[in-house]
Amino acid sequence: MSIRRRAAVIGAVSLGLVALSACEKPTPLATITVGDKTVTTEAASKCYLDGGKLATAAFAVCLNNAKPTQTIKVSAGDTVRIGVDPKIAKNGWLVAAGLSQKTDILTDKTYWTLGEKDSLFTDSTTGTSADSVTLNIIETDGKDAKNYLGVWKVKLVKEA
């Protein structure tokens, strides 16, 4: 092999390594299914630290200010199915519609179902109904519901 070819190969390999090191590691995924419609989402921006605990202020920003990147329509009587990556399930997770917690901490479960009985579009504190709600999937450390590791968000829109 000539010196030029070796130099070209070394340059290509070096460039490839630099390109790979610039990539962000993808977050575990959460999937929401309603009927035959499915959306998949990564954690909200800056709301996942690959197993590290989110500071209280960062968690509040993730929960209140981060915008969902996916939307799915829900009709009356629909069941909302939530699936999470096994990495999330191993630690523990819970589901909130807006700020209303809908589940206890789920550990070792990669799947959960919310039905109409869960009043997804009703605010539990005021009793008012909304046309849309943000479904928050919150990873915890499994021991304490105040040790948050990540937030995934999907907007649910009530379909007439």
C-alpha atoms as a PDB file:
ATOM      1  CA  MET A   1       0.000   0.000   0.000  1.00  0.00           C
ATOM      2  CA  SER A   2       1.385   3.368  -0.966  1.00  0.00           C
ATOM      3  CA  ILE A   3       1.997   6.193   1.484  1.00  0.00           C
ATOM      4  CA  ARG A   4      -0.808   8.221  -0.125  1.00  0.00           C
ATOM      5  CA  ARG A   5      -3.307   5.432   0.362  1.00  0.00           C
ATOM      6  CA  ARG A   6      -2.267   4.917   4.002  1.00  0.00           C
ATOM      7  CA  ALA A   7      -2.571   8.639   4.628  1.00  0.00           C
ATOM      8  CA  ALA A   8      -6.028   8.647   2.995  1.00  0.00           C
ATOM      9  CA  VAL A   9      -7.183   5.664   5.086  1.00  0.00           C
ATOM     10  CA  ILE A  10      -5.829   7.187   8.319  1.00  0.00           C
ATOM     11  CA  GLY A  11      -7.487  10.504   7.441  1.00  0.00           C
ATOM     12  CA  ALA A  12     -10.824   8.817   6.703  1.00  0.00           C
ATOM     13  CA  VAL A  13     -10.742   6.816   9.944  1.00  0.00           C
ATOM     14  CA  SER A  14      -9.806   9.930  11.951  1.00  0.00           C
ATOM     15  CA  LEU A  15     -12.605  11.932  10.345  1.00  0.00           C
ATOM     16  CA  GLY A  16     -15.074   9.128  11.090  1.00  0.00           C
ATOM     17  CA  LEU A  17     -14.055   9.019  14.748  1.00  0.00           C
ATOM     18  CA  VAL A  18     -14.399  12.788  15.075  1.00  0.00           C
ATOM     19  CA  ALA A  19     -17.847  12.652  13.465  1.00  0.00           C
ATOM     20  CA  LEU A  20     -18.981   9.871  15.819  1.00  0.00           C
ATOM     21  CA  SER A  21     -17.736  11.659  18.914  1.00  0.00           C
ATOM     22  CA  ALA A  22     -19.824  14.712  18.001  1.00  0.00           C
ATOM     23  CA  CYS A  23     -23.060  12.688  18.008  1.00  0.00           C
ATOM     24  CA  GLU A  24     -25.315  12.724  21.037  1.00  0.00           C
ATOM     25  CA  LYS A  25     -26.267   9.384  22.480  1.00  0.00           C
ATOM     26  CA  PRO A  26     -30.001   8.853  21.880  1.00  0.00           C
ATOM     27  CA  THR A  27     -32.231   8.683  24.939  1.00  0.00           C
ATOM     28  CA  PRO A  28     -34.386   5.643  25.703  1.00  0.00           C
ATOM     29  CA  LEU A  29     -37.764   5.837  23.974  1.00  0.00           C
ATOM     30  CA  ALA A  30     -41.339   6.039  25.168  1.00  0.00           C
ATOM     31  CA  THR A  31     -44.201   4.960  22.913  1.00  0.00           C
ATOM     32  CA  ILE A  32     -47.864   5.947  23.124  1.00  0.00           C
ATOM     33  CA  THR A  33     -50.527   3.959  21.276  1.00  0.00           C
ATOM     34  CA  VAL A  34     -54.189   4.915  20.901  1.00  0.00           C
ATOM     35  CA  GLY A  35     -56.193   2.546  18.716  1.00  0.00           C
ATOM     36  CA  ASP A  36     -54.112   2.029  15.564  1.00  0.00           C
ATOM     37  CA  LYS A  37     -52.122   5.268  16.003  1.00  0.00           C
ATOM     38  CA  THR A  38     -48.667   5.213  17.597  1.00  0.00           C
ATOM     39  CA  VAL A  39     -46.082   7.901  18.383  1.00  0.00           C
ATOM     40  CA  THR A  40     -42.601   7.426  19.779  1.00  0.00           C
ATOM     41  CA  THR A  41     -40.587  10.093  21.531  1.00  0.00           C
ATOM     42  CA  GLU A  42     -37.216  10.681  23.104  1.00  0.00           C
ATOM     43  CA  ALA A  43     -36.844  12.526  26.391  1.00  0.00           C
ATOM     44  CA  ALA A  44     -37.659  16.219  26.291  1.00  0.00           C
ATOM     45  CA  SER A  45     -34.687  18.460  25.528  1.00  0.00           C
ATOM     46  CA  LYS A  46     -32.240  18.602  28.472  1.00  0.00           C
ATOM     47  CA  CYS A  47     -34.579  16.378  30.513  1.00  0.00           C
ATOM     48  CA  TYR A  48     -32.501  13.195  30.607  1.00  0.00           C
ATOM     49  CA  LEU A  49     -29.007  12.734  32.030  1.00  0.00           C
ATOM     50  CA  ASP A  50     -28.436   9.043  31.160  1.00  0.00           C
ATOM     51  CA  GLY A  51     -29.133   7.794  34.665  1.00  0.00           C
ATOM     52  CA  GLY A  52     -28.154  10.975  36.510  1.00  0.00           C
ATOM     53  CA  LYS A  53     -30.642  12.706  38.787  1.00  0.00           C
ATOM     54  CA  LEU A  54     -32.285  15.884  37.478  1.00  0.00           C
ATOM     55  CA  ALA A  55     -31.927  18.823  39.854  1.00  0.00           C
ATOM     56  CA  THR A  56     -35.244  20.007  41.318  1.00  0.00           C
ATOM     57  CA  ALA A  57     -35.168  23.225  39.274  1.00  0.00           C
ATOM     58  CA  ALA A  58     -34.309  21.348  36.055  1.00  0.00           C
ATOM     59  CA  PHE A  59     -37.122  18.866  36.678  1.00  0.00           C
ATOM     60  CA  ALA A  60     -39.597  21.735  37.203  1.00  0.00           C
ATOM     61  CA  VAL A  61     -38.517  23.294  33.891  1.00  0.00           C
ATOM     62  CA  CYS A  62     -38.868  19.918  32.131  1.00  0.00           C
ATOM     63  CA  LEU A  63     -42.308  19.294  33.568  1.00  0.00           C
ATOM     64  CA  ASN A  64     -43.741  22.796  33.143  1.00  0.00           C
ATOM     65  CA  ASN A  65     -41.937  24.395  30.197  1.00  0.00           C
ATOM     66  CA  ALA A  66     -40.630  21.670  27.871  1.00  0.00           C
ATOM     67  CA  LYS A  67     -42.884  21.202  24.846  1.00  0.00           C
ATOM     68  CA  PRO A  68     -43.958  17.789  23.564  1.00  0.00           C
ATOM     69  CA  THR A  69     -42.601  16.914  20.120  1.00  0.00           C
ATOM     70  CA  GLN A  70     -45.358  14.383  19.352  1.00  0.00           C
ATOM     71  CA  THR A  71     -49.167  14.649  19.322  1.00  0.00           C
ATOM     72  CA  ILE A  72     -51.782  11.904  19.224  1.00  0.00           C
ATOM     73  CA  LYS A  73     -55.604  12.138  19.086  1.00  0.00           C
ATOM     74  CA  VAL A  74     -57.774  10.399  21.678  1.00  0.00           C
ATOM     75  CA  SER A  75     -61.497   9.758  21.209  1.00  0.00           C
ATOM     76  CA  ALA A  76     -63.991   9.167  24.012  1.00  0.00           C
ATOM     77  CA  GLY A  77     -63.633   5.628  25.292  1.00  0.00           C
ATOM     78  CA  ASP A  78     -60.138   5.138  23.837  1.00  0.00           C
ATOM     79  CA  THR A  79     -57.487   3.353  25.818  1.00  0.00           C
ATOM     80  CA  VAL A  80     -54.071   4.993  25.968  1.00  0.00           C
ATOM     81  CA  ARG A  81     -51.237   2.465  26.007  1.00  0.00           C
ATOM     82  CA  ILE A  82     -47.801   3.546  27.176  1.00  0.00           C
ATOM     83  CA  GLY A  83     -44.640   1.590  26.528  1.00  0.00           C
ATOM     84  CA  VAL A  84     -41.164   2.454  27.784  1.00  0.00           C
ATOM     85  CA  ASP A  85     -37.656   1.255  27.068  1.00  0.00           C
ATOM     86  CA  PRO A  86     -36.555  -1.513  29.489  1.00  0.00           C
ATOM     87  CA  LYS A  87     -33.858   0.853  30.792  1.00  0.00           C
ATOM     88  CA  ILE A  88     -36.604   3.206  32.056  1.00  0.00           C
ATOM     89  CA  ALA A  89     -38.645   0.313  33.468  1.00  0.00           C
ATOM     90  CA  LYS A  90     -35.648  -1.035  35.374  1.00  0.00           C
ATOM     91  CA  ASN A  91     -35.314   2.210  37.345  1.00  0.00           C
ATOM     92  CA  GLY A  92     -39.028   2.955  37.753  1.00  0.00           C
ATOM     93  CA  TRP A  93     -41.433   5.396  36.140  1.00  0.00           C
ATOM     94  CA  LEU A  94     -44.792   7.030  36.586  1.00  0.00           C
ATOM     95  CA  VAL A  95     -47.348   8.763  34.377  1.00  0.00           C
ATOM     96  CA  ALA A  96     -48.912  12.194  34.854  1.00  0.00           C
ATOM     97  CA  ALA A  97     -51.525  13.927  32.720  1.00  0.00           C
ATOM     98  CA  GLY A  98     -50.392  17.509  33.025  1.00  0.00           C
ATOM     99  CA  LEU A  99     -49.438  17.734  36.691  1.00  0.00           C
ATOM    100  CA  SER A 100     -51.972  15.101  37.857  1.00  0.00           C
ATOM    101  CA  GLN A 101     -50.191  11.859  38.698  1.00  0.00           C
ATOM    102  CA  LYS A 102     -52.044   8.911  37.146  1.00  0.00           C
ATOM    103  CA  THR A 103     -49.947   5.969  38.369  1.00  0.00           C
ATOM    104  CA  ASP A 104     -47.814   4.981  41.302  1.00  0.00           C
ATOM    105  CA  ILE A 105     -44.162   4.238  40.541  1.00  0.00           C
ATOM    106  CA  LEU A 106     -44.042   1.341  38.091  1.00  0.00           C
ATOM    107  CA  THR A 107     -40.915  -0.794  38.356  1.00  0.00           C
ATOM    108  CA  ASP A 108     -39.934  -3.560  35.957  1.00  0.00           C
ATOM    109  CA  LYS A 109     -43.039  -2.870  33.841  1.00  0.00           C
ATOM    110  CA  THR A 110     -42.439  -1.762  30.265  1.00  0.00           C
ATOM    111  CA  TYR A 111     -46.134  -1.247  29.531  1.00  0.00           C
ATOM    112  CA  TRP A 112     -49.096   0.470  31.177  1.00  0.00           C
ATOM    113  CA  THR A 113     -52.663   1.177  30.080  1.00  0.00           C
ATOM    114  CA  LEU A 114     -54.769   4.225  30.938  1.00  0.00           C
ATOM    115  CA  GLY A 115     -58.473   4.063  30.191  1.00  0.00           C
ATOM    116  CA  GLU A 116     -61.344   6.531  30.235  1.00  0.00           C
ATOM    117  CA  LYS A 117     -61.748   5.933  33.965  1.00  0.00           C
ATOM    118  CA  ASP A 118     -58.420   7.719  34.430  1.00  0.00           C
ATOM    119  CA  SER A 119     -59.989  11.041  33.303  1.00  0.00           C
ATOM    120  CA  LEU A 120     -56.986  12.103  31.250  1.00  0.00           C
ATOM    121  CA  PHE A 121     -58.537  15.392  30.180  1.00  0.00           C
ATOM    122  CA  THR A 122     -59.891  16.398  33.601  1.00  0.00           C
ATOM    123  CA  ASP A 123     -57.818  18.479  36.004  1.00  0.00           C
ATOM    124  CA  SER A 124     -57.933  16.658  39.337  1.00  0.00           C
ATOM    125  CA  THR A 125     -57.613  19.854  41.369  1.00  0.00           C
ATOM    126  CA  THR A 126     -60.234  21.993  39.616  1.00  0.00           C
ATOM    127  CA  GLY A 127     -62.435  19.383  37.950  1.00  0.00           C
ATOM    128  CA  THR A 128     -62.350  21.285  34.650  1.00  0.00           C
ATOM    129  CA  SER A 129     -62.072  19.480  31.350  1.00  0.00           C
ATOM    130  CA  ALA A 130     -59.579  20.434  28.633  1.00  0.00           C
ATOM    131  CA  ASP A 131     -59.352  19.739  24.902  1.00  0.00           C
ATOM    132  CA  SER A 132     -55.722  18.653  25.219  1.00  0.00           C
ATOM    133  CA  VAL A 133     -53.291  17.541  27.885  1.00  0.00           C
ATOM    134  CA  THR A 134     -49.590  16.781  28.009  1.00  0.00           C
ATOM    135  CA  LEU A 135     -48.869  13.216  29.033  1.00  0.00           C
ATOM    136  CA  ASN A 136     -45.665  13.180  31.094  1.00  0.00           C
ATOM    137  CA  ILE A 137     -43.733   9.959  31.480  1.00  0.00           C
ATOM    138  CA  ILE A 138     -41.343  10.475  34.374  1.00  0.00           C
ATOM    139  CA  GLU A 139     -38.440   8.176  35.149  1.00  0.00           C
ATOM    140  CA  THR A 140     -37.609   7.891  38.860  1.00  0.00           C
ATOM    141  CA  ASP A 141     -34.937   5.962  40.718  1.00  0.00           C
ATOM    142  CA  GLY A 142     -37.679   3.510  41.774  1.00  0.00           C
ATOM    143  CA  LYS A 143     -37.234   4.253  45.469  1.00  0.00           C
ATOM    144  CA  ASP A 144     -38.398   7.823  45.814  1.00  0.00           C
ATOM    145  CA  ALA A 145     -40.882   9.665  43.633  1.00  0.00           C
ATOM    146  CA  LYS A 146     -38.764  12.789  44.212  1.00  0.00           C
ATOM    147  CA  ASN A 147     -35.616  11.472  42.533  1.00  0.00           C
ATOM    148  CA  TYR A 148     -36.330  12.188  38.883  1.00  0.00           C
ATOM    149  CA  LEU A 149     -34.105  10.858  36.105  1.00  0.00           C
ATOM    150  CA  GLY A 150     -35.971  11.891  32.939  1.00  0.00           C
ATOM    151  CA  VAL A 151     -39.147  13.288  31.385  1.00  0.00           C
ATOM    152  CA  TRP A 152     -40.801  12.209  28.119  1.00  0.00           C
ATOM    153  CA  LYS A 153     -43.757  14.228  26.804  1.00  0.00           C
ATOM    154  CA  VAL A 154     -46.583  13.585  24.331  1.00  0.00           C
ATOM    155  CA  LYS A 155     -49.552  15.880  23.712  1.00  0.00           C
ATOM    156  CA  LEU A 156     -52.940  14.152  23.804  1.00  0.00           C
ATOM    157  CA  VAL A 157     -55.699  15.931  21.888  1.00  0.00           C
ATOM    158  CA  LYS A 158     -59.357  15.141  22.509  1.00  0.00           C
ATOM    159  CA  GLU A 159     -61.000  14.081  19.262  1.00  0.00           C
ATOM    160  CA  ALA A 160     -64.686  14.930  18.797  1.00  0.00           C
END
